[in-house]
Amino acid sequence: MIVSLPIVAVAVFAACASFAMLVWMLKSGLAWRLAVDVPNQRSLHERPVPRVGGWGVMCSALPLIALGVPGFGWAALGAFVLAVVSLIDDRRGLSARARFSVHVLGAAGAVWASSIGLPLWAIVLVVVALVWIVNLYNFMDGANGLAAGMTVLGFGTYAIAAARVAPELATASGVVAGAGLGFLVLNFGAAKVFLGDVGSIPLGFLAGAFGLWGWQHGVWPVWFVGMAFAPFIADASVTLMRRLLRGEKVWQAHREHAYQRLVRTLGSHVPVALLYYALMVGGSAAGLAALQLRSVAAQWAVVVAWYALLGVVGAWIDWRWRKSGLTR
């Protein structure tokens, strides 16, 4: 079992496996035959790029979790099913209803596997939250280095928080963070490969499922998930609410996320990724520090303060957007 190995060593192995697989897919030409993202009017890139990063991440992470981390086979299975469904959607196309149904089933399975002890109304809310995390990870996968960085830092934060109290969870999180790092090397800056739904959907599931498991087993309070993945949750949730209030079809592709507007305003992916990395590190550090506070009220005060700061950053991005004179 890989749980007995140092988490860093396991993460490095996963990173090397993910990177090696993606390099092989690119050099062999297989990546170009499987899935290619062709630019359209809503894209933030200008040339075709293989959309197979998820293959490297999932093929390196899921076997390690399923075979090497006791008690987490359910998470690997759920992520695998979502990856397969996403692959079918990429190749043949599935209706929004079919995709949503699978996401709900995956979320319900995670709730069952986590032995959640809540009343029915609370369980429904948890399932809704998990479905949202699955989808917001996909929505935020639109700029070079963004989802990859969130994977490394978000799951890395899980691993740090769980290292002493839940080694199985820490190892599983370290595996995912490492696999994300192998992909990040090829996705940062002038991306050679994109993540695709095969990666983003299962990663969202794992972020929610691991967070739920940690909460239900006393590893961290429920708010900790919101700090580990704060920039993604804030950006996607605010954008969703704005579009709902305008009566728009929220399932349609768009370029209205804060990160998308900032990329268009600055004309580059790199500074946007670096800004979000800073927010990711800051949120994770604040969350880890808040875990040491004995007062629940003080912990929540940290959460509220951090999201208030994210609100200020969002307001600044909106201001830059309006000043740029760009349109949707």
C-alpha atoms as a PDB file:
ATOM      1  CA  MET A   1       0.000   0.000   0.000  1.00  0.00           C
ATOM      2  CA  ILE A   2       1.345   3.429  -0.922  1.00  0.00           C
ATOM      3  CA  VAL A   3      -0.066   4.909   2.314  1.00  0.00           C
ATOM      4  CA  SER A   4       3.109   3.732   4.053  1.00  0.00           C
ATOM      5  CA  LEU A   5       5.246   5.850   1.705  1.00  0.00           C
ATOM      6  CA  PRO A   6       5.982   9.569   2.220  1.00  0.00           C
ATOM      7  CA  ILE A   7       3.231  11.678   0.655  1.00  0.00           C
ATOM      8  CA  VAL A   8       5.758  13.775  -1.263  1.00  0.00           C
ATOM      9  CA  ALA A   9       7.267  10.647  -2.825  1.00  0.00           C
ATOM     10  CA  VAL A  10       3.848   9.416  -3.911  1.00  0.00           C
ATOM     11  CA  ALA A  11       3.002  12.832  -5.353  1.00  0.00           C
ATOM     12  CA  VAL A  12       6.270  12.990  -7.290  1.00  0.00           C
ATOM     13  CA  PHE A  13       5.646   9.527  -8.734  1.00  0.00           C
ATOM     14  CA  ALA A  14       2.146  10.548  -9.833  1.00  0.00           C
ATOM     15  CA  ALA A  15       3.537  13.739 -11.372  1.00  0.00           C
ATOM     16  CA  CYS A  16       6.158  11.826 -13.354  1.00  0.00           C
ATOM     17  CA  ALA A  17       3.593   9.271 -14.527  1.00  0.00           C
ATOM     18  CA  SER A  18       1.153  11.969 -15.644  1.00  0.00           C
ATOM     19  CA  PHE A  19       3.839  13.985 -17.410  1.00  0.00           C
ATOM     20  CA  ALA A  20       5.347  10.938 -19.124  1.00  0.00           C
ATOM     21  CA  MET A  21       1.983   9.749 -20.407  1.00  0.00           C
ATOM     22  CA  LEU A  22       1.079  13.149 -21.825  1.00  0.00           C
ATOM     23  CA  VAL A  23       4.465  13.587 -23.493  1.00  0.00           C
ATOM     24  CA  TRP A  24       4.081  10.155 -25.080  1.00  0.00           C
ATOM     25  CA  MET A  25       0.582  11.013 -26.287  1.00  0.00           C
ATOM     26  CA  LEU A  26       1.838  14.256 -27.832  1.00  0.00           C
ATOM     27  CA  LYS A  27       4.912  12.758 -29.485  1.00  0.00           C
ATOM     28  CA  SER A  28       3.058   9.718 -30.827  1.00  0.00           C
ATOM     29  CA  GLY A  29       0.306  11.868 -32.305  1.00  0.00           C
ATOM     30  CA  LEU A  30      -2.336  10.026 -30.290  1.00  0.00           C
ATOM     31  CA  ALA A  31      -3.325  13.231 -28.512  1.00  0.00           C
ATOM     32  CA  TRP A  32      -4.279  14.845 -31.816  1.00  0.00           C
ATOM     33  CA  ARG A  33      -6.390  11.857 -32.819  1.00  0.00           C
ATOM     34  CA  LEU A  34      -8.320  11.604 -29.549  1.00  0.00           C
ATOM     35  CA  ALA A  35      -9.590  15.128 -28.899  1.00  0.00           C
ATOM     36  CA  VAL A  36      -8.608  18.558 -30.195  1.00  0.00           C
ATOM     37  CA  ASP A  37      -9.930  21.905 -28.981  1.00  0.00           C
ATOM     38  CA  VAL A  38     -10.504  24.058 -32.057  1.00  0.00           C
ATOM     39  CA  PRO A  39     -10.781  27.808 -31.284  1.00  0.00           C
ATOM     40  CA  ASN A  40     -14.188  29.452 -31.619  1.00  0.00           C
ATOM     41  CA  GLN A  41     -15.626  32.862 -30.794  1.00  0.00           C
ATOM     42  CA  ARG A  42     -15.799  32.036 -27.088  1.00  0.00           C
ATOM     43  CA  SER A  43     -12.286  30.587 -26.792  1.00  0.00           C
ATOM     44  CA  LEU A  44      -9.344  32.281 -25.101  1.00  0.00           C
ATOM     45  CA  HIS A  45      -6.808  30.599 -27.376  1.00  0.00           C
ATOM     46  CA  GLU A  46      -5.988  31.059 -31.059  1.00  0.00           C
ATOM     47  CA  ARG A  47      -4.709  27.671 -32.248  1.00  0.00           C
ATOM     48  CA  PRO A  48      -5.897  24.056 -31.986  1.00  0.00           C
ATOM     49  CA  VAL A  49      -4.633  22.266 -28.872  1.00  0.00           C
ATOM     50  CA  PRO A  50      -5.105  18.601 -27.866  1.00  0.00           C
ATOM     51  CA  ARG A  51      -7.683  18.269 -25.100  1.00  0.00           C
ATOM     52  CA  VAL A  52      -6.280  15.158 -23.422  1.00  0.00           C
ATOM     53  CA  GLY A  53      -4.710  16.431 -20.203  1.00  0.00           C
ATOM     54  CA  GLY A  54      -7.366  14.612 -18.227  1.00  0.00           C
ATOM     55  CA  TRP A  55      -6.133  11.324 -19.629  1.00  0.00           C
ATOM     56  CA  GLY A  56      -2.727  11.837 -18.055  1.00  0.00           C
ATOM     57  CA  VAL A  57      -4.125  13.011 -14.732  1.00  0.00           C
ATOM     58  CA  MET A  58      -6.768  10.305 -14.398  1.00  0.00           C
ATOM     59  CA  CYS A  59      -4.707   7.410 -15.757  1.00  0.00           C
ATOM     60  CA  SER A  60      -1.924   8.149 -13.285  1.00  0.00           C
ATOM     61  CA  ALA A  61      -4.022   9.081 -10.239  1.00  0.00           C
ATOM     62  CA  LEU A  62      -6.976   6.701 -10.243  1.00  0.00           C
ATOM     63  CA  PRO A  63      -5.078   3.370 -10.335  1.00  0.00           C
ATOM     64  CA  LEU A  64      -2.807   4.571  -7.527  1.00  0.00           C
ATOM     65  CA  ILE A  65      -5.804   5.533  -5.395  1.00  0.00           C
ATOM     66  CA  ALA A  66      -7.832   2.425  -6.216  1.00  0.00           C
ATOM     67  CA  LEU A  67      -5.013  -0.051  -5.620  1.00  0.00           C
ATOM     68  CA  GLY A  68      -2.867   1.740  -3.067  1.00  0.00           C
ATOM     69  CA  VAL A  69      -5.142   3.723  -0.747  1.00  0.00           C
ATOM     70  CA  PRO A  70      -7.405   1.593   1.497  1.00  0.00           C
ATOM     71  CA  GLY A  71     -10.978   2.773   1.750  1.00  0.00           C
ATOM     72  CA  PHE A  72     -10.889   5.127  -1.230  1.00  0.00           C
ATOM     73  CA  GLY A  73     -11.710   2.773  -4.070  1.00  0.00           C
ATOM     74  CA  TRP A  74     -15.193   4.311  -4.179  1.00  0.00           C
ATOM     75  CA  ALA A  75     -13.701   7.717  -5.008  1.00  0.00           C
ATOM     76  CA  ALA A  76     -11.560   6.294  -7.789  1.00  0.00           C
ATOM     77  CA  LEU A  77     -14.554   4.400  -9.182  1.00  0.00           C
ATOM     78  CA  GLY A  78     -16.769   7.486  -9.130  1.00  0.00           C
ATOM     79  CA  ALA A  79     -14.128   9.590 -10.853  1.00  0.00           C
ATOM     80  CA  PHE A  80     -13.564   6.843 -13.432  1.00  0.00           C
ATOM     81  CA  VAL A  81     -17.273   6.644 -14.283  1.00  0.00           C
ATOM     82  CA  LEU A  82     -17.455  10.419 -14.694  1.00  0.00           C
ATOM     83  CA  ALA A  83     -14.329  10.372 -16.863  1.00  0.00           C
ATOM     84  CA  VAL A  84     -15.842   7.701 -19.125  1.00  0.00           C
ATOM     85  CA  VAL A  85     -19.117   9.601 -19.430  1.00  0.00           C
ATOM     86  CA  SER A  86     -17.184  12.784 -20.225  1.00  0.00           C
ATOM     87  CA  LEU A  87     -15.213  10.898 -22.880  1.00  0.00           C
ATOM     88  CA  ILE A  88     -18.433   9.673 -24.474  1.00  0.00           C
ATOM     89  CA  ASP A  89     -19.745  13.228 -24.383  1.00  0.00           C
ATOM     90  CA  ASP A  90     -16.564  14.482 -26.068  1.00  0.00           C
ATOM     91  CA  ARG A  91     -16.706  11.848 -28.801  1.00  0.00           C
ATOM     92  CA  ARG A  92     -20.424  11.394 -29.460  1.00  0.00           C
ATOM     93  CA  GLY A  93     -22.219  14.091 -27.517  1.00  0.00           C
ATOM     94  CA  LEU A  94     -24.668  13.673 -24.645  1.00  0.00           C
ATOM     95  CA  SER A  95     -27.660  15.748 -23.651  1.00  0.00           C
ATOM     96  CA  ALA A  96     -27.346  18.144 -20.721  1.00  0.00           C
ATOM     97  CA  ARG A  97     -29.963  16.062 -18.900  1.00  0.00           C
ATOM     98  CA  ALA A  98     -27.919  12.870 -19.298  1.00  0.00           C
ATOM     99  CA  ARG A  99     -24.738  14.543 -18.056  1.00  0.00           C
ATOM    100  CA  PHE A 100     -26.540  16.125 -15.116  1.00  0.00           C
ATOM    101  CA  SER A 101     -28.117  12.796 -14.146  1.00  0.00           C
ATOM    102  CA  VAL A 102     -24.718  11.122 -13.994  1.00  0.00           C
ATOM    103  CA  HIS A 103     -23.338  13.992 -11.907  1.00  0.00           C
ATOM    104  CA  VAL A 104     -26.214  13.622  -9.442  1.00  0.00           C
ATOM    105  CA  LEU A 105     -25.654   9.871  -9.199  1.00  0.00           C
ATOM    106  CA  GLY A 106     -21.949  10.441  -8.603  1.00  0.00           C
ATOM    107  CA  ALA A 107     -22.675  12.963  -5.861  1.00  0.00           C
ATOM    108  CA  ALA A 108     -25.203  10.629  -4.240  1.00  0.00           C
ATOM    109  CA  GLY A 109     -22.649   7.821  -4.349  1.00  0.00           C
ATOM    110  CA  ALA A 110     -20.070  10.013  -2.612  1.00  0.00           C
ATOM    111  CA  VAL A 111     -22.588  10.856   0.108  1.00  0.00           C
ATOM    112  CA  TRP A 112     -23.342   7.171   0.635  1.00  0.00           C
ATOM    113  CA  ALA A 113     -19.660   6.196   0.687  1.00  0.00           C
ATOM    114  CA  SER A 114     -18.835   8.902   3.232  1.00  0.00           C
ATOM    115  CA  SER A 115     -21.308   7.410   5.741  1.00  0.00           C
ATOM    116  CA  ILE A 116     -22.894  10.798   6.124  1.00  0.00           C
ATOM    117  CA  GLY A 117     -25.021  11.186   9.241  1.00  0.00           C
ATOM    118  CA  LEU A 118     -27.338  14.076   8.412  1.00  0.00           C
ATOM    119  CA  PRO A 119     -31.107  14.562   8.063  1.00  0.00           C
ATOM    120  CA  LEU A 120     -32.602  14.121   4.606  1.00  0.00           C
ATOM    121  CA  TRP A 121     -32.883  17.844   3.860  1.00  0.00           C
ATOM    122  CA  ALA A 122     -29.193  18.329   4.680  1.00  0.00           C
ATOM    123  CA  ILE A 123     -28.210  15.356   2.527  1.00  0.00           C
ATOM    124  CA  VAL A 124     -30.060  16.936  -0.403  1.00  0.00           C
ATOM    125  CA  LEU A 125     -28.107  20.164   0.128  1.00  0.00           C
ATOM    126  CA  VAL A 126     -24.827  18.226   0.228  1.00  0.00           C
ATOM    127  CA  VAL A 127     -25.672  16.453  -3.047  1.00  0.00           C
ATOM    128  CA  VAL A 128     -26.499  19.808  -4.664  1.00  0.00           C
ATOM    129  CA  ALA A 129     -23.203  21.243  -3.392  1.00  0.00           C
ATOM    130  CA  LEU A 130     -21.248  18.288  -4.785  1.00  0.00           C
ATOM    131  CA  VAL A 131     -22.927  18.591  -8.176  1.00  0.00           C
ATOM    132  CA  TRP A 132     -22.034  22.276  -8.195  1.00  0.00           C
ATOM    133  CA  ILE A 133     -18.374  21.580  -7.375  1.00  0.00           C
ATOM    134  CA  VAL A 134     -18.240  19.014 -10.190  1.00  0.00           C
ATOM    135  CA  ASN A 135     -19.521  21.567 -12.667  1.00  0.00           C
ATOM    136  CA  LEU A 136     -17.696  24.653 -11.430  1.00  0.00           C
ATOM    137  CA  TYR A 137     -14.364  22.873 -11.871  1.00  0.00           C
ATOM    138  CA  ASN A 138     -15.352  22.374 -15.487  1.00  0.00           C
ATOM    139  CA  PHE A 139     -16.453  26.008 -15.866  1.00  0.00           C
ATOM    140  CA  MET A 140     -13.132  27.253 -14.486  1.00  0.00           C
ATOM    141  CA  ASP A 141     -11.089  25.151 -16.917  1.00  0.00           C
ATOM    142  CA  GLY A 142     -10.694  27.821 -19.565  1.00  0.00           C
ATOM    143  CA  ALA A 143      -7.340  29.535 -19.080  1.00  0.00           C
ATOM    144  CA  ASN A 144      -3.857  28.077 -19.292  1.00  0.00           C
ATOM    145  CA  GLY A 145      -2.561  26.819 -15.967  1.00  0.00           C
ATOM    146  CA  LEU A 146      -5.684  27.693 -13.997  1.00  0.00           C
ATOM    147  CA  ALA A 147      -7.358  24.325 -13.326  1.00  0.00           C
ATOM    148  CA  ALA A 148      -3.977  22.606 -13.156  1.00  0.00           C
ATOM    149  CA  GLY A 149      -2.761  25.043 -10.517  1.00  0.00           C
ATOM    150  CA  MET A 150      -5.979  24.669  -8.527  1.00  0.00           C
ATOM    151  CA  THR A 151      -5.515  20.900  -8.611  1.00  0.00           C
ATOM    152  CA  VAL A 152      -1.969  21.099  -7.289  1.00  0.00           C
ATOM    153  CA  LEU A 153      -2.700  23.675  -4.600  1.00  0.00           C
ATOM    154  CA  GLY A 154      -6.230  22.619  -3.619  1.00  0.00           C
ATOM    155  CA  PHE A 155      -5.517  18.919  -3.246  1.00  0.00           C
ATOM    156  CA  GLY A 156      -2.107  19.773  -1.812  1.00  0.00           C
ATOM    157  CA  THR A 157      -3.912  21.723   0.905  1.00  0.00           C
ATOM    158  CA  TYR A 158      -6.090  18.692   1.613  1.00  0.00           C
ATOM    159  CA  ALA A 159      -2.954  16.560   1.937  1.00  0.00           C
ATOM    160  CA  ILE A 160      -1.313  18.962   4.392  1.00  0.00           C
ATOM    161  CA  ALA A 161      -4.424  19.231   6.566  1.00  0.00           C
ATOM    162  CA  ALA A 162      -4.982  15.467   6.657  1.00  0.00           C
ATOM    163  CA  ALA A 163      -1.364  14.329   6.961  1.00  0.00           C
ATOM    164  CA  ARG A 164      -1.377  13.635  10.703  1.00  0.00           C
ATOM    165  CA  VAL A 165      -4.975  12.598  11.306  1.00  0.00           C
ATOM    166  CA  ALA A 166      -6.037  10.789   8.118  1.00  0.00           C
ATOM    167  CA  PRO A 167      -3.048   9.386   6.191  1.00  0.00           C
ATOM    168  CA  GLU A 168      -5.271   7.631   3.646  1.00  0.00           C
ATOM    169  CA  LEU A 169      -6.999  10.888   2.715  1.00  0.00           C
ATOM    170  CA  ALA A 170      -3.678  12.721   2.689  1.00  0.00           C
ATOM    171  CA  THR A 171      -2.142  10.145   0.358  1.00  0.00           C
ATOM    172  CA  ALA A 172      -5.103  10.160  -2.030  1.00  0.00           C
ATOM    173  CA  SER A 173      -5.016  13.958  -2.127  1.00  0.00           C
ATOM    174  CA  GLY A 174      -1.266  13.959  -2.668  1.00  0.00           C
ATOM    175  CA  VAL A 175      -1.664  11.587  -5.605  1.00  0.00           C
ATOM    176  CA  VAL A 176      -4.164  13.908  -7.298  1.00  0.00           C
ATOM    177  CA  ALA A 177      -2.021  16.976  -6.597  1.00  0.00           C
ATOM    178  CA  GLY A 178       1.006  15.233  -8.073  1.00  0.00           C
ATOM    179  CA  ALA A 179      -0.856  14.100 -11.177  1.00  0.00           C
ATOM    180  CA  GLY A 180      -2.047  17.677 -11.616  1.00  0.00           C
ATOM    181  CA  LEU A 181       1.538  18.919 -11.393  1.00  0.00           C
ATOM    182  CA  GLY A 182       2.606  16.636 -14.234  1.00  0.00           C
ATOM    183  CA  PHE A 183      -0.130  18.178 -16.367  1.00  0.00           C
ATOM    184  CA  LEU A 184       0.628  21.744 -15.230  1.00  0.00           C
ATOM    185  CA  VAL A 185       4.125  21.585 -16.730  1.00  0.00           C
ATOM    186  CA  LEU A 186       2.546  21.169 -20.170  1.00  0.00           C
ATOM    187  CA  ASN A 187      -0.382  23.527 -19.597  1.00  0.00           C
ATOM    188  CA  PHE A 188       1.194  26.659 -18.133  1.00  0.00           C
ATOM    189  CA  GLY A 189       1.959  29.581 -20.436  1.00  0.00           C
ATOM    190  CA  ALA A 190       1.791  28.524 -24.077  1.00  0.00           C
ATOM    191  CA  ALA A 191      -0.210  25.370 -23.375  1.00  0.00           C
ATOM    192  CA  LYS A 192       0.741  22.221 -25.261  1.00  0.00           C
ATOM    193  CA  VAL A 193      -2.321  20.379 -23.946  1.00  0.00           C
ATOM    194  CA  PHE A 194      -5.676  21.231 -22.353  1.00  0.00           C
ATOM    195  CA  LEU A 195      -7.385  19.380 -19.508  1.00  0.00           C
ATOM    196  CA  GLY A 196     -10.761  18.667 -21.131  1.00  0.00           C
ATOM    197  CA  ASP A 197     -13.926  17.342 -19.511  1.00  0.00           C
ATOM    198  CA  VAL A 198     -12.273  13.946 -18.968  1.00  0.00           C
ATOM    199  CA  GLY A 199     -10.117  15.710 -16.388  1.00  0.00           C
ATOM    200  CA  SER A 200     -12.125  18.646 -15.081  1.00  0.00           C
ATOM    201  CA  ILE A 201     -15.342  16.768 -14.256  1.00  0.00           C
ATOM    202  CA  PRO A 202     -13.659  13.947 -12.259  1.00  0.00           C
ATOM    203  CA  LEU A 203     -11.373  16.459 -10.524  1.00  0.00           C
ATOM    204  CA  GLY A 204     -14.393  18.432  -9.386  1.00  0.00           C
ATOM    205  CA  PHE A 205     -15.905  15.207  -8.093  1.00  0.00           C
ATOM    206  CA  LEU A 206     -12.750  14.301  -6.184  1.00  0.00           C
ATOM    207  CA  ALA A 207     -12.492  17.806  -4.701  1.00  0.00           C
ATOM    208  CA  GLY A 208     -16.026  17.519  -3.366  1.00  0.00           C
ATOM    209  CA  ALA A 209     -15.837  13.848  -2.390  1.00  0.00           C
ATOM    210  CA  PHE A 210     -12.560  14.173  -0.482  1.00  0.00           C
ATOM    211  CA  GLY A 211     -13.839  17.332   1.180  1.00  0.00           C
ATOM    212  CA  LEU A 212     -17.028  15.577   2.252  1.00  0.00           C
ATOM    213  CA  TRP A 213     -15.134  12.556   3.571  1.00  0.00           C
ATOM    214  CA  GLY A 214     -12.799  14.788   5.555  1.00  0.00           C
ATOM    215  CA  TRP A 215     -15.719  16.693   7.055  1.00  0.00           C
ATOM    216  CA  GLN A 216     -17.681  13.572   7.988  1.00  0.00           C
ATOM    217  CA  HIS A 217     -14.635  11.925   9.570  1.00  0.00           C
ATOM    218  CA  GLY A 218     -13.638  14.942  11.638  1.00  0.00           C
ATOM    219  CA  VAL A 219     -10.527  15.857   9.657  1.00  0.00           C
ATOM    220  CA  TRP A 220     -11.748  19.426   9.076  1.00  0.00           C
ATOM    221  CA  PRO A 221     -14.882  21.579   9.425  1.00  0.00           C
ATOM    222  CA  VAL A 222     -17.214  22.009   6.464  1.00  0.00           C
ATOM    223  CA  TRP A 223     -15.878  25.494   5.700  1.00  0.00           C
ATOM    224  CA  PHE A 224     -12.385  24.164   4.957  1.00  0.00           C
ATOM    225  CA  VAL A 225     -13.372  22.931   1.493  1.00  0.00           C
ATOM    226  CA  GLY A 226     -14.467  26.464   0.668  1.00  0.00           C
ATOM    227  CA  MET A 227     -11.037  27.792   1.614  1.00  0.00           C
ATOM    228  CA  ALA A 228      -9.000  25.135  -0.197  1.00  0.00           C
ATOM    229  CA  PHE A 229     -10.818  25.878  -3.470  1.00  0.00           C
ATOM    230  CA  ALA A 230     -11.906  29.459  -2.727  1.00  0.00           C
ATOM    231  CA  PRO A 231     -10.994  31.215  -6.026  1.00  0.00           C
ATOM    232  CA  PHE A 232     -12.865  28.640  -8.110  1.00  0.00           C
ATOM    233  CA  ILE A 233     -15.930  28.637  -5.864  1.00  0.00           C
ATOM    234  CA  ALA A 234     -16.124  32.438  -5.695  1.00  0.00           C
ATOM    235  CA  ASP A 235     -15.585  33.095  -9.419  1.00  0.00           C
ATOM    236  CA  ALA A 236     -17.958  30.396 -10.660  1.00  0.00           C
ATOM    237  CA  SER A 237     -20.689  31.085  -8.086  1.00  0.00           C
ATOM    238  CA  VAL A 238     -20.783  34.852  -8.628  1.00  0.00           C
ATOM    239  CA  THR A 239     -20.833  34.369 -12.402  1.00  0.00           C
ATOM    240  CA  LEU A 240     -23.680  31.855 -12.134  1.00  0.00           C
ATOM    241  CA  MET A 241     -25.760  34.193  -9.956  1.00  0.00           C
ATOM    242  CA  ARG A 242     -25.240  37.100 -12.340  1.00  0.00           C
ATOM    243  CA  ARG A 243     -26.347  35.070 -15.326  1.00  0.00           C
ATOM    244  CA  LEU A 244     -29.361  33.703 -13.456  1.00  0.00           C
ATOM    245  CA  LEU A 245     -30.436  37.218 -12.476  1.00  0.00           C
ATOM    246  CA  ARG A 246     -30.171  38.291 -16.125  1.00  0.00           C
ATOM    247  CA  GLY A 247     -32.339  35.352 -17.165  1.00  0.00           C
ATOM    248  CA  GLU A 248     -29.611  33.801 -19.326  1.00  0.00           C
ATOM    249  CA  LYS A 249     -29.241  30.111 -20.132  1.00  0.00           C
ATOM    250  CA  VAL A 250     -26.580  29.174 -17.615  1.00  0.00           C
ATOM    251  CA  TRP A 251     -25.691  25.915 -19.367  1.00  0.00           C
ATOM    252  CA  GLN A 252     -24.531  27.708 -22.521  1.00  0.00           C
ATOM    253  CA  ALA A 253     -20.849  28.496 -23.070  1.00  0.00           C
ATOM    254  CA  HIS A 254     -19.752  32.063 -22.386  1.00  0.00           C
ATOM    255  CA  ARG A 255     -16.769  34.264 -21.507  1.00  0.00           C
ATOM    256  CA  GLU A 256     -18.076  36.074 -18.449  1.00  0.00           C
ATOM    257  CA  HIS A 257     -16.073  34.498 -15.643  1.00  0.00           C
ATOM    258  CA  ALA A 258     -13.740  36.903 -13.870  1.00  0.00           C
ATOM    259  CA  TYR A 259     -10.697  34.970 -15.068  1.00  0.00           C
ATOM    260  CA  GLN A 260     -11.922  35.061 -18.677  1.00  0.00           C
ATOM    261  CA  ARG A 261     -12.469  38.807 -18.565  1.00  0.00           C
ATOM    262  CA  LEU A 262      -9.065  39.347 -16.991  1.00  0.00           C
ATOM    263  CA  VAL A 263      -7.322  37.263 -19.667  1.00  0.00           C
ATOM    264  CA  ARG A 264      -9.011  39.335 -22.358  1.00  0.00           C
ATOM    265  CA  THR A 265      -8.216  42.585 -20.542  1.00  0.00           C
ATOM    266  CA  LEU A 266      -4.538  41.790 -19.991  1.00  0.00           C
ATOM    267  CA  GLY A 267      -4.075  39.889 -23.250  1.00  0.00           C
ATOM    268  CA  SER A 268      -2.170  37.070 -21.550  1.00  0.00           C
ATOM    269  CA  HIS A 269      -2.875  33.916 -19.556  1.00  0.00           C
ATOM    270  CA  VAL A 270       0.264  33.999 -17.401  1.00  0.00           C
ATOM    271  CA  PRO A 271      -0.480  37.012 -15.145  1.00  0.00           C
ATOM    272  CA  VAL A 272      -4.018  35.739 -14.599  1.00  0.00           C
ATOM    273  CA  ALA A 273      -2.753  32.312 -13.555  1.00  0.00           C
ATOM    274  CA  LEU A 274      -0.200  33.897 -11.216  1.00  0.00           C
ATOM    275  CA  LEU A 275      -2.854  36.117  -9.611  1.00  0.00           C
ATOM    276  CA  TYR A 276      -5.126  33.141  -9.041  1.00  0.00           C
ATOM    277  CA  TYR A 277      -2.209  31.103  -7.668  1.00  0.00           C
ATOM    278  CA  ALA A 278      -1.596  33.865  -5.126  1.00  0.00           C
ATOM    279  CA  LEU A 279      -5.272  33.750  -4.156  1.00  0.00           C
ATOM    280  CA  MET A 280      -5.154  29.960  -3.948  1.00  0.00           C
ATOM    281  CA  VAL A 281      -2.091  29.982  -1.699  1.00  0.00           C
ATOM    282  CA  GLY A 282      -3.532  32.770   0.439  1.00  0.00           C
ATOM    283  CA  GLY A 283      -6.849  30.992   0.900  1.00  0.00           C
ATOM    284  CA  SER A 284      -5.165  27.696   1.695  1.00  0.00           C
ATOM    285  CA  ALA A 285      -2.789  29.313   4.189  1.00  0.00           C
ATOM    286  CA  ALA A 286      -5.662  31.156   5.865  1.00  0.00           C
ATOM    287  CA  GLY A 287      -7.687  27.947   6.009  1.00  0.00           C
ATOM    288  CA  LEU A 288      -4.837  25.931   7.502  1.00  0.00           C
ATOM    289  CA  ALA A 289      -4.217  28.676  10.061  1.00  0.00           C
ATOM    290  CA  ALA A 290      -7.920  28.829  10.942  1.00  0.00           C
ATOM    291  CA  LEU A 291      -7.882  25.097  11.700  1.00  0.00           C
ATOM    292  CA  GLN A 292      -5.647  25.916  14.660  1.00  0.00           C
ATOM    293  CA  LEU A 293      -8.206  28.300  16.173  1.00  0.00           C
ATOM    294  CA  ARG A 294     -10.351  26.856  18.961  1.00  0.00           C
ATOM    295  CA  SER A 295     -13.250  29.236  18.474  1.00  0.00           C
ATOM    296  CA  VAL A 296     -15.706  28.240  15.750  1.00  0.00           C
ATOM    297  CA  ALA A 297     -16.739  31.876  15.462  1.00  0.00           C
ATOM    298  CA  ALA A 298     -13.119  32.882  14.877  1.00  0.00           C
ATOM    299  CA  GLN A 299     -12.759  30.220  12.196  1.00  0.00           C
ATOM    300  CA  TRP A 300     -15.814  31.482  10.354  1.00  0.00           C
ATOM    301  CA  ALA A 301     -14.560  35.049  10.731  1.00  0.00           C
ATOM    302  CA  VAL A 302     -11.446  34.048   8.785  1.00  0.00           C
ATOM    303  CA  VAL A 303     -13.609  32.502   6.059  1.00  0.00           C
ATOM    304  CA  VAL A 304     -15.825  35.582   5.785  1.00  0.00           C
ATOM    305  CA  ALA A 305     -12.809  37.902   5.727  1.00  0.00           C
ATOM    306  CA  TRP A 306     -11.146  35.906   2.966  1.00  0.00           C
ATOM    307  CA  TYR A 307     -14.231  35.852   0.782  1.00  0.00           C
ATOM    308  CA  ALA A 308     -14.619  39.593   1.371  1.00  0.00           C
ATOM    309  CA  LEU A 309     -11.090  40.002   0.017  1.00  0.00           C
ATOM    310  CA  LEU A 310     -12.007  37.882  -3.000  1.00  0.00           C
ATOM    311  CA  GLY A 311     -14.973  40.210  -3.490  1.00  0.00           C
ATOM    312  CA  VAL A 312     -12.602  43.181  -3.602  1.00  0.00           C
ATOM    313  CA  VAL A 313     -10.440  41.399  -6.181  1.00  0.00           C
ATOM    314  CA  GLY A 314     -13.552  40.610  -8.213  1.00  0.00           C
ATOM    315  CA  ALA A 315     -14.638  44.256  -8.078  1.00  0.00           C
ATOM    316  CA  TRP A 316     -11.189  45.289  -9.324  1.00  0.00           C
ATOM    317  CA  ILE A 317     -11.457  42.834 -12.226  1.00  0.00           C
ATOM    318  CA  ASP A 318     -14.902  44.228 -13.081  1.00  0.00           C
ATOM    319  CA  TRP A 319     -13.471  47.747 -13.015  1.00  0.00           C
ATOM    320  CA  ARG A 320     -10.618  46.745 -15.344  1.00  0.00           C
ATOM    321  CA  TRP A 321     -13.139  45.089 -17.648  1.00  0.00           C
ATOM    322  CA  ARG A 322     -15.373  48.153 -17.889  1.00  0.00           C
ATOM    323  CA  LYS A 323     -12.363  50.391 -18.405  1.00  0.00           C
ATOM    324  CA  SER A 324     -11.080  48.196 -21.254  1.00  0.00           C
ATOM    325  CA  GLY A 325     -14.167  48.855 -23.376  1.00  0.00           C
ATOM    326  CA  LEU A 326     -14.352  45.206 -24.424  1.00  0.00           C
ATOM    327  CA  THR A 327     -17.715  43.524 -24.921  1.00  0.00           C
ATOM    328  CA  ARG A 328     -18.925  40.003 -24.265  1.00  0.00           C
END
